[in-house]
Amino acid sequence: MSRETLKTLFHPFASGTVAAPRSDERFLFIGAEAGFATPDEFTASLVPVQGHRGEFLKLEAARLAPIPHIEGEGFDGALILLGKHRGENDNRVAEALGRVKAGGLVVVAGGKEDGVQPMRKRLAGLGIEAEHMPKYHGVALWFSVPDDTAAAIAKLAARETLVDGRFHTRAGMFSHDRIDDGSELLVSRLPENFDGNAADFGAGWGYLSAMLATRSPRTARVDLFEADFDALECAKVNLAENCPNLTARFFWQDLTREPAKEKYDLVIINPPFHQGHAAEPGLGQAMIKAAAHALRGGGQLLLVANRGLPYEAILAEDFREHGETCRNARFKVLWAKK
């Protein structure tokens, strides 16, 4: 989310188009990101909600007291930043409708790529007419919470998905509606006789960890590291249900900022390579470096990547040996040894 869209969100208040909330009012800020400046007239207390660890840490550093998931009700209003996932955006609006008092103000902002105009149409289809204002390459929408929100919440609230009949996920998570093809290729190359301690970097909702434990039943422990709070919560459920005998630990961490504190015999990764809407292979490269620091001597890294991503040079810098296990039309599985 660009700083421009943060400015879009507060522009209705800054321009005087919408009355700024008072100091005795509480506003949720769903999808909050650091770097915003409230207009002088905006004196309400904000409760920033951010489930992505990296953005959470920025808000924390700015002393804005963020929380990773929404809590409480009876708010006087809500601010919502839209993201790239429609289901997640819909759920953010549903949360606001359920937690803001009837008559309270909800302001939503997003760019064209965030689906802000389709969001306005969906709200109208639910009987919620939102006013709107374009500014800073985005659009702000605002509306009052109706007295009866049950039908709108039922339509917009995220529904749990059950992938492969056994993995719980929700909209907004990586590959929330299917097993990712890259992860599936990596699983085909996971060891079948592993009996040490493993780490799953960028574990998502837990698929790779569950499959490692399934292929290598003697796995001593798996530590799952994930920056998405909700995905990690799903991973806890998925590991408990699918691998009840596995010792697993769960860490809500941004490995590009918060390195793992232990050493492992094996690290498995399907690295993220997008930040927002833009491709950013540096994220995967940073995670590879984090894996190099987390492996003990002789430990192994296994990762899957899109064929065109330039990870081999990083592996050569940080590992004693490295190579390619296999590839298909879209992905490659790489290995490296400390």
Protein backbone atom coordinates (compact mmCIF):
# COMPACT_ATOMS: atom_id res chain seq x y z
CA MET A 1 0.00 0.00 0.00
CA SER A 2 1.50 3.32 -1.02
CA ARG A 3 1.75 6.35 1.23
CA GLU A 4 -0.48 8.04 -1.36
CA THR A 5 -3.38 5.77 -0.39
CA LEU A 6 -2.84 6.56 3.26
CA LYS A 7 -3.27 10.22 2.32
CA THR A 8 -6.39 9.29 0.33
CA LEU A 9 -7.89 7.69 3.44
CA PHE A 10 -7.58 10.85 5.54
CA HIS A 11 -8.40 13.34 2.76
CA PRO A 12 -12.17 13.49 3.44
CA PHE A 13 -11.30 14.76 6.94
CA ALA A 14 -8.42 17.01 5.82
CA SER A 15 -10.62 18.64 3.18
CA GLY A 16 -13.48 19.23 5.60
CA THR A 17 -15.83 17.10 3.49
CA VAL A 18 -16.39 14.73 6.43
CA ALA A 19 -16.49 15.95 10.01
CA ALA A 20 -13.42 14.80 11.93
CA PRO A 21 -14.10 12.55 14.93
CA ARG A 22 -13.82 13.94 18.45
CA SER A 23 -11.27 13.15 21.13
CA ASP A 24 -13.79 11.08 23.10
CA GLU A 25 -14.36 8.69 20.16
CA ARG A 26 -12.59 5.42 19.31
CA PHE A 27 -11.88 4.38 15.74
CA LEU A 28 -10.63 1.03 14.46
CA PHE A 29 -7.93 1.29 11.79
CA ILE A 30 -8.12 -2.01 9.88
CA GLY A 31 -5.15 -2.84 7.67
CA ALA A 32 -3.24 0.02 9.29
CA GLU A 33 0.20 0.96 8.03
CA ALA A 34 2.76 3.33 9.47
CA GLY A 35 3.56 6.63 7.81
CA PHE A 36 0.17 8.33 8.04
CA ALA A 37 -0.51 11.77 9.47
CA THR A 38 -3.94 12.53 10.89
CA PRO A 39 -5.36 16.00 10.24
CA ASP A 40 -5.17 18.34 13.22
CA GLU A 41 -8.95 18.14 13.61
CA PHE A 42 -8.88 14.33 13.82
CA THR A 43 -8.50 13.77 17.56
CA ALA A 44 -10.18 10.39 18.05
CA SER A 45 -8.10 7.56 19.48
CA LEU A 46 -7.07 4.96 16.90
CA VAL A 47 -6.77 1.20 17.40
CA PRO A 48 -4.50 0.06 14.53
CA VAL A 49 -5.01 -3.54 13.39
CA GLN A 50 -2.28 -5.17 11.31
CA GLY A 51 -1.70 -8.90 10.96
CA HIS A 52 1.43 -8.73 8.82
CA ARG A 53 4.43 -8.80 11.13
CA GLY A 54 6.60 -6.41 9.11
CA GLU A 55 3.97 -3.66 9.04
CA PHE A 56 3.07 -4.42 12.67
CA LEU A 57 6.69 -3.75 13.69
CA LYS A 58 6.68 -0.41 11.85
CA LEU A 59 3.50 0.62 13.68
CA GLU A 60 5.02 -0.54 16.95
CA ALA A 61 8.19 1.46 16.28
CA ALA A 62 5.99 4.52 15.71
CA ARG A 63 4.44 3.88 19.17
CA LEU A 64 0.96 3.41 17.73
CA ALA A 65 0.13 0.33 19.88
CA PRO A 66 -1.05 -1.99 17.08
CA ILE A 67 -2.87 -5.29 17.60
CA PRO A 68 -2.57 -8.29 15.22
CA HIS A 69 -6.27 -9.11 15.00
CA ILE A 70 -9.49 -7.24 15.66
CA GLU A 71 -10.80 -7.17 19.22
CA GLY A 72 -13.70 -5.39 20.88
CA GLU A 73 -16.88 -3.74 19.67
CA GLY A 74 -18.90 -0.58 20.15
CA PHE A 75 -16.42 1.55 18.19
CA ASP A 76 -17.52 4.98 17.01
CA GLY A 77 -16.06 4.42 13.58
CA ALA A 78 -13.52 2.60 11.45
CA LEU A 79 -10.88 3.35 8.85
CA ILE A 80 -10.06 0.63 6.32
CA LEU A 81 -7.13 0.33 3.93
CA LEU A 82 -7.89 -2.06 1.10
CA GLY A 83 -5.34 -4.59 -0.13
CA LYS A 84 -4.99 -6.85 -3.15
CA HIS A 85 -7.29 -9.70 -2.02
CA ARG A 86 -11.01 -9.20 -2.57
CA GLY A 87 -12.02 -11.71 0.08
CA GLU A 88 -9.81 -10.06 2.67
CA ASN A 89 -11.16 -6.61 1.74
CA ASP A 90 -14.74 -7.82 2.03
CA ASN A 91 -13.98 -9.30 5.42
CA ARG A 92 -12.45 -6.03 6.63
CA VAL A 93 -15.68 -4.23 5.79
CA ALA A 94 -17.71 -6.99 7.46
CA GLU A 95 -15.61 -6.62 10.61
CA ALA A 96 -16.22 -2.87 10.63
CA LEU A 97 -19.97 -3.38 10.19
CA GLY A 98 -20.01 -5.76 13.14
CA ARG A 99 -17.88 -3.71 15.52
CA VAL A 100 -18.92 -0.09 14.86
CA LYS A 101 -22.07 1.34 16.45
CA ALA A 102 -25.13 1.92 14.28
CA GLY A 103 -24.76 5.34 12.72
CA GLY A 104 -20.98 5.24 13.12
CA LEU A 105 -18.70 6.31 10.28
CA VAL A 106 -16.69 3.91 8.11
CA VAL A 107 -14.10 5.30 5.69
CA VAL A 108 -12.51 2.98 3.12
CA ALA A 109 -9.61 3.81 0.79
CA GLY A 110 -7.81 1.98 -1.98
CA GLY A 111 -6.32 2.31 -5.43
CA LYS A 112 -7.70 0.98 -8.68
CA GLU A 113 -5.69 -2.23 -8.28
CA ASP A 114 -7.25 -2.77 -4.85
CA GLY A 115 -10.77 -2.96 -6.27
CA VAL A 116 -12.08 0.15 -4.58
CA GLN A 117 -14.72 0.89 -7.23
CA PRO A 118 -16.06 -2.70 -7.28
CA MET A 119 -16.20 -2.44 -3.48
CA ARG A 120 -18.45 0.61 -3.82
CA LYS A 121 -20.73 -1.34 -6.17
CA ARG A 122 -20.87 -4.33 -3.81
CA LEU A 123 -21.85 -2.05 -0.95
CA ALA A 124 -24.59 -0.47 -3.07
CA GLY A 125 -25.87 -3.95 -3.90
CA LEU A 126 -26.21 -4.55 -0.17
CA GLY A 127 -28.17 -1.34 0.32
CA ILE A 128 -25.22 0.67 1.65
CA GLU A 129 -24.77 3.80 -0.44
CA ALA A 130 -21.25 5.13 0.02
CA GLU A 131 -20.16 8.63 -0.88
CA HIS A 132 -16.81 8.82 -2.62
CA MET A 133 -13.91 11.13 -3.39
CA PRO A 134 -10.91 10.51 -5.68
CA LYS A 135 -7.56 11.85 -4.48
CA TYR A 136 -3.86 10.92 -4.64
CA HIS A 137 -4.38 8.20 -7.27
CA GLY A 138 -6.93 6.45 -5.07
CA VAL A 139 -10.55 6.71 -3.99
CA ALA A 140 -12.02 7.19 -0.52
CA LEU A 141 -15.49 5.83 0.25
CA TRP A 142 -17.48 6.58 3.37
CA PHE A 143 -20.83 5.55 4.79
CA SER A 144 -22.77 5.29 8.03
CA VAL A 145 -23.30 1.88 9.58
CA PRO A 146 -26.96 0.90 9.16
CA ASP A 147 -29.12 -0.29 12.03
CA ASP A 148 -29.36 -3.81 10.61
CA THR A 149 -26.04 -5.16 9.37
CA ALA A 150 -26.70 -8.89 9.57
CA ALA A 151 -27.35 -9.47 5.84
CA ALA A 152 -24.34 -7.41 4.73
CA ILE A 153 -22.03 -9.13 7.22
CA ALA A 154 -23.26 -12.55 6.10
CA LYS A 155 -22.50 -11.64 2.49
CA LEU A 156 -19.07 -10.07 3.08
CA ALA A 157 -17.55 -12.03 5.97
CA ALA A 158 -14.76 -14.43 5.06
CA ARG A 159 -15.72 -18.07 5.01
CA GLU A 160 -13.27 -20.75 6.00
CA THR A 161 -11.94 -22.83 3.11
CA LEU A 162 -10.99 -26.48 3.51
CA VAL A 163 -8.16 -27.25 1.07
CA ASP A 164 -7.71 -30.88 0.04
CA GLY A 165 -10.44 -31.74 2.55
CA ARG A 166 -8.13 -31.22 5.53
CA PHE A 167 -6.35 -27.85 5.63
CA HIS A 168 -8.17 -24.82 7.08
CA THR A 169 -7.50 -21.50 5.33
CA ARG A 170 -9.10 -18.10 4.77
CA ALA A 171 -9.16 -15.54 1.97
CA GLY A 172 -6.12 -13.29 1.85
CA MET A 173 -3.63 -16.02 2.72
CA PHE A 174 -1.18 -17.27 0.13
CA SER A 175 -2.83 -20.00 -1.97
CA HIS A 176 -5.88 -20.05 0.30
CA ASP A 177 -8.06 -22.06 -2.11
CA ARG A 178 -5.67 -24.76 -3.34
CA ILE A 179 -2.31 -26.42 -2.74
CA ASP A 180 0.29 -24.27 -4.46
CA ASP A 181 1.96 -26.01 -7.44
CA GLY A 182 5.42 -24.96 -6.28
CA SER A 183 4.87 -26.34 -2.79
CA GLU A 184 3.60 -29.58 -4.29
CA LEU A 185 6.81 -29.93 -6.31
CA LEU A 186 8.92 -29.27 -3.23
CA VAL A 187 6.99 -31.88 -1.25
CA SER A 188 7.92 -34.50 -3.86
CA ARG A 189 11.58 -33.89 -2.94
CA LEU A 190 11.28 -33.75 0.84
CA PRO A 191 13.27 -36.43 2.68
CA GLU A 192 11.61 -39.65 3.83
CA ASN A 193 14.06 -40.50 6.61
CA PHE A 194 14.57 -37.17 8.35
CA ASP A 195 14.79 -37.39 12.15
CA GLY A 196 16.18 -34.02 13.24
CA ASN A 197 14.84 -30.51 13.93
CA ALA A 198 13.42 -28.61 10.97
CA ALA A 199 12.22 -25.07 10.33
CA ASP A 200 9.59 -24.00 7.81
CA PHE A 201 10.34 -20.41 6.79
CA GLY A 202 7.27 -18.59 5.49
CA ALA A 203 5.14 -21.53 6.62
CA GLY A 204 1.78 -20.08 5.57
CA TRP A 205 -1.06 -22.28 6.73
CA GLY A 206 1.28 -25.21 7.37
CA TYR A 207 1.19 -27.39 4.27
CA LEU A 208 4.93 -28.00 3.89
CA SER A 209 5.38 -28.74 7.60
CA ALA A 210 2.51 -31.22 7.59
CA MET A 211 3.89 -32.98 4.53
CA LEU A 212 7.42 -33.18 5.96
CA ALA A 213 6.01 -34.84 9.07
CA THR A 214 3.96 -37.20 6.89
CA ARG A 215 6.91 -38.22 4.70
CA SER A 216 9.35 -38.43 7.63
CA PRO A 217 7.36 -39.65 10.65
CA ARG A 218 10.50 -39.61 12.84
CA THR A 219 10.90 -35.84 12.49
CA ALA A 220 11.85 -34.62 15.97
CA ARG A 221 10.39 -31.12 15.72
CA VAL A 222 9.24 -28.52 13.22
CA ASP A 223 9.32 -24.80 13.97
CA LEU A 224 6.99 -22.77 11.76
CA PHE A 225 7.88 -19.13 11.05
CA GLU A 226 5.24 -16.96 9.38
CA ALA A 227 4.67 -13.20 9.08
CA ASP A 228 0.90 -13.47 8.47
CA PHE A 229 -0.80 -13.75 11.87
CA ASP A 230 -4.00 -15.35 10.57
CA ALA A 231 -2.14 -17.86 8.42
CA LEU A 232 -0.10 -18.94 11.44
CA GLU A 233 -3.29 -19.40 13.45
CA CYS A 234 -4.58 -21.70 10.70
CA ALA A 235 -1.26 -23.56 10.71
CA LYS A 236 -1.69 -24.30 14.42
CA VAL A 237 -5.05 -25.92 13.71
CA ASN A 238 -3.80 -27.77 10.62
CA LEU A 239 -0.76 -29.25 12.35
CA ALA A 240 -2.79 -30.30 15.39
CA GLU A 241 -5.40 -32.04 13.21
CA ASN A 242 -3.13 -33.57 10.57
CA CYS A 243 0.00 -34.35 12.61
CA PRO A 244 -1.15 -34.80 16.21
CA ASN A 245 2.06 -36.58 17.23
CA LEU A 246 4.42 -33.97 15.81
CA THR A 247 6.19 -31.56 18.14
CA ALA A 248 5.64 -28.18 16.50
CA ARG A 249 6.27 -24.60 17.57
CA PHE A 250 4.89 -21.47 15.98
CA PHE A 251 6.62 -18.11 15.59
CA TRP A 252 4.94 -14.95 14.30
CA GLN A 253 8.08 -13.38 12.87
CA ASP A 254 9.29 -11.37 9.91
CA LEU A 255 12.49 -13.25 9.17
CA THR A 256 13.89 -10.35 7.17
CA ARG A 257 13.93 -8.34 10.43
CA GLU A 258 13.78 -10.97 13.18
CA PRO A 259 16.18 -13.87 12.62
CA ALA A 260 15.52 -17.33 14.04
CA LYS A 261 17.33 -17.86 17.34
CA GLU A 262 18.03 -21.59 17.04
CA LYS A 263 19.99 -23.85 14.71
CA TYR A 264 18.32 -26.48 12.52
CA ASP A 265 19.21 -29.60 10.59
CA LEU A 266 16.82 -28.72 7.77
CA VAL A 267 15.11 -25.55 6.56
CA ILE A 268 12.34 -25.71 3.95
CA ILE A 269 11.09 -22.63 2.10
CA ASN A 270 8.63 -21.61 -0.55
CA PRO A 271 9.83 -18.00 -0.47
CA PRO A 272 7.45 -15.10 -1.00
CA PHE A 273 8.44 -12.94 -3.94
CA HIS A 274 5.69 -10.31 -3.93
CA GLN A 275 5.25 -7.28 -1.69
CA GLY A 276 1.82 -5.78 -2.29
CA HIS A 277 1.28 -5.82 -6.05
CA ALA A 278 4.92 -5.75 -7.13
CA ALA A 279 7.36 -8.60 -7.69
CA GLU A 280 10.17 -8.34 -5.17
CA PRO A 281 12.66 -11.25 -5.38
CA GLY A 282 14.71 -9.57 -2.65
CA LEU A 283 12.26 -10.97 -0.11
CA GLY A 284 13.18 -14.52 -1.07
CA GLN A 285 16.87 -13.66 -1.11
CA ALA A 286 16.60 -12.26 2.41
CA MET A 287 14.91 -15.45 3.60
CA ILE A 288 17.65 -17.57 2.04
CA LYS A 289 20.21 -15.56 3.99
CA ALA A 290 18.14 -16.03 7.14
CA ALA A 291 18.13 -19.79 6.49
CA ALA A 292 21.91 -19.81 6.09
CA HIS A 293 22.28 -18.28 9.55
CA ALA A 294 19.75 -20.70 11.05
CA LEU A 295 21.34 -23.93 9.78
CA ARG A 296 23.98 -25.77 11.76
CA GLY A 297 27.09 -27.07 10.02
CA GLY A 298 26.08 -29.83 7.60
CA GLY A 299 22.44 -28.69 7.68
CA GLN A 300 20.46 -28.52 4.46
CA LEU A 301 18.18 -26.01 2.81
CA LEU A 302 15.45 -27.11 0.39
CA LEU A 303 13.48 -24.45 -1.47
CA VAL A 304 11.19 -24.06 -4.44
CA ALA A 305 11.20 -21.02 -6.68
CA ASN A 306 9.87 -19.77 -9.98
CA ARG A 307 12.38 -20.79 -12.62
CA GLY A 308 13.35 -17.23 -13.50
CA LEU A 309 14.18 -16.03 -9.99
CA PRO A 310 17.91 -15.47 -9.40
CA TYR A 311 18.57 -17.36 -6.18
CA GLU A 312 21.64 -19.37 -7.19
CA ALA A 313 24.06 -16.49 -6.60
CA ILE A 314 22.82 -16.05 -3.03
CA LEU A 315 23.19 -19.78 -2.41
CA ALA A 316 26.77 -19.67 -3.71
CA GLU A 317 27.60 -16.83 -1.31
CA ASP A 318 26.17 -18.37 1.85
CA PHE A 319 26.48 -22.16 1.49
CA ARG A 320 29.33 -24.64 1.07
CA GLU A 321 27.48 -26.57 -1.65
CA HIS A 322 24.33 -25.98 -3.65
CA GLY A 323 22.52 -27.33 -6.69
CA GLU A 324 19.22 -28.00 -8.40
CA THR A 325 17.17 -31.08 -7.60
CA CYS A 326 14.53 -30.83 -10.32
CA ARG A 327 12.43 -28.42 -12.36
CA ASN A 328 9.26 -28.34 -14.38
CA ALA A 329 7.76 -25.78 -16.75
CA ARG A 330 7.29 -23.20 -13.96
CA PHE A 331 9.34 -24.10 -10.89
CA LYS A 332 12.71 -25.39 -9.74
CA VAL A 333 13.69 -27.08 -6.49
CA LEU A 334 17.08 -25.98 -5.17
CA TRP A 335 19.17 -27.43 -2.36
CA ALA A 336 22.11 -26.09 -0.40
CA LYS A 337 24.31 -27.40 2.40
CA LYS A 338 26.12 -25.45 5.12
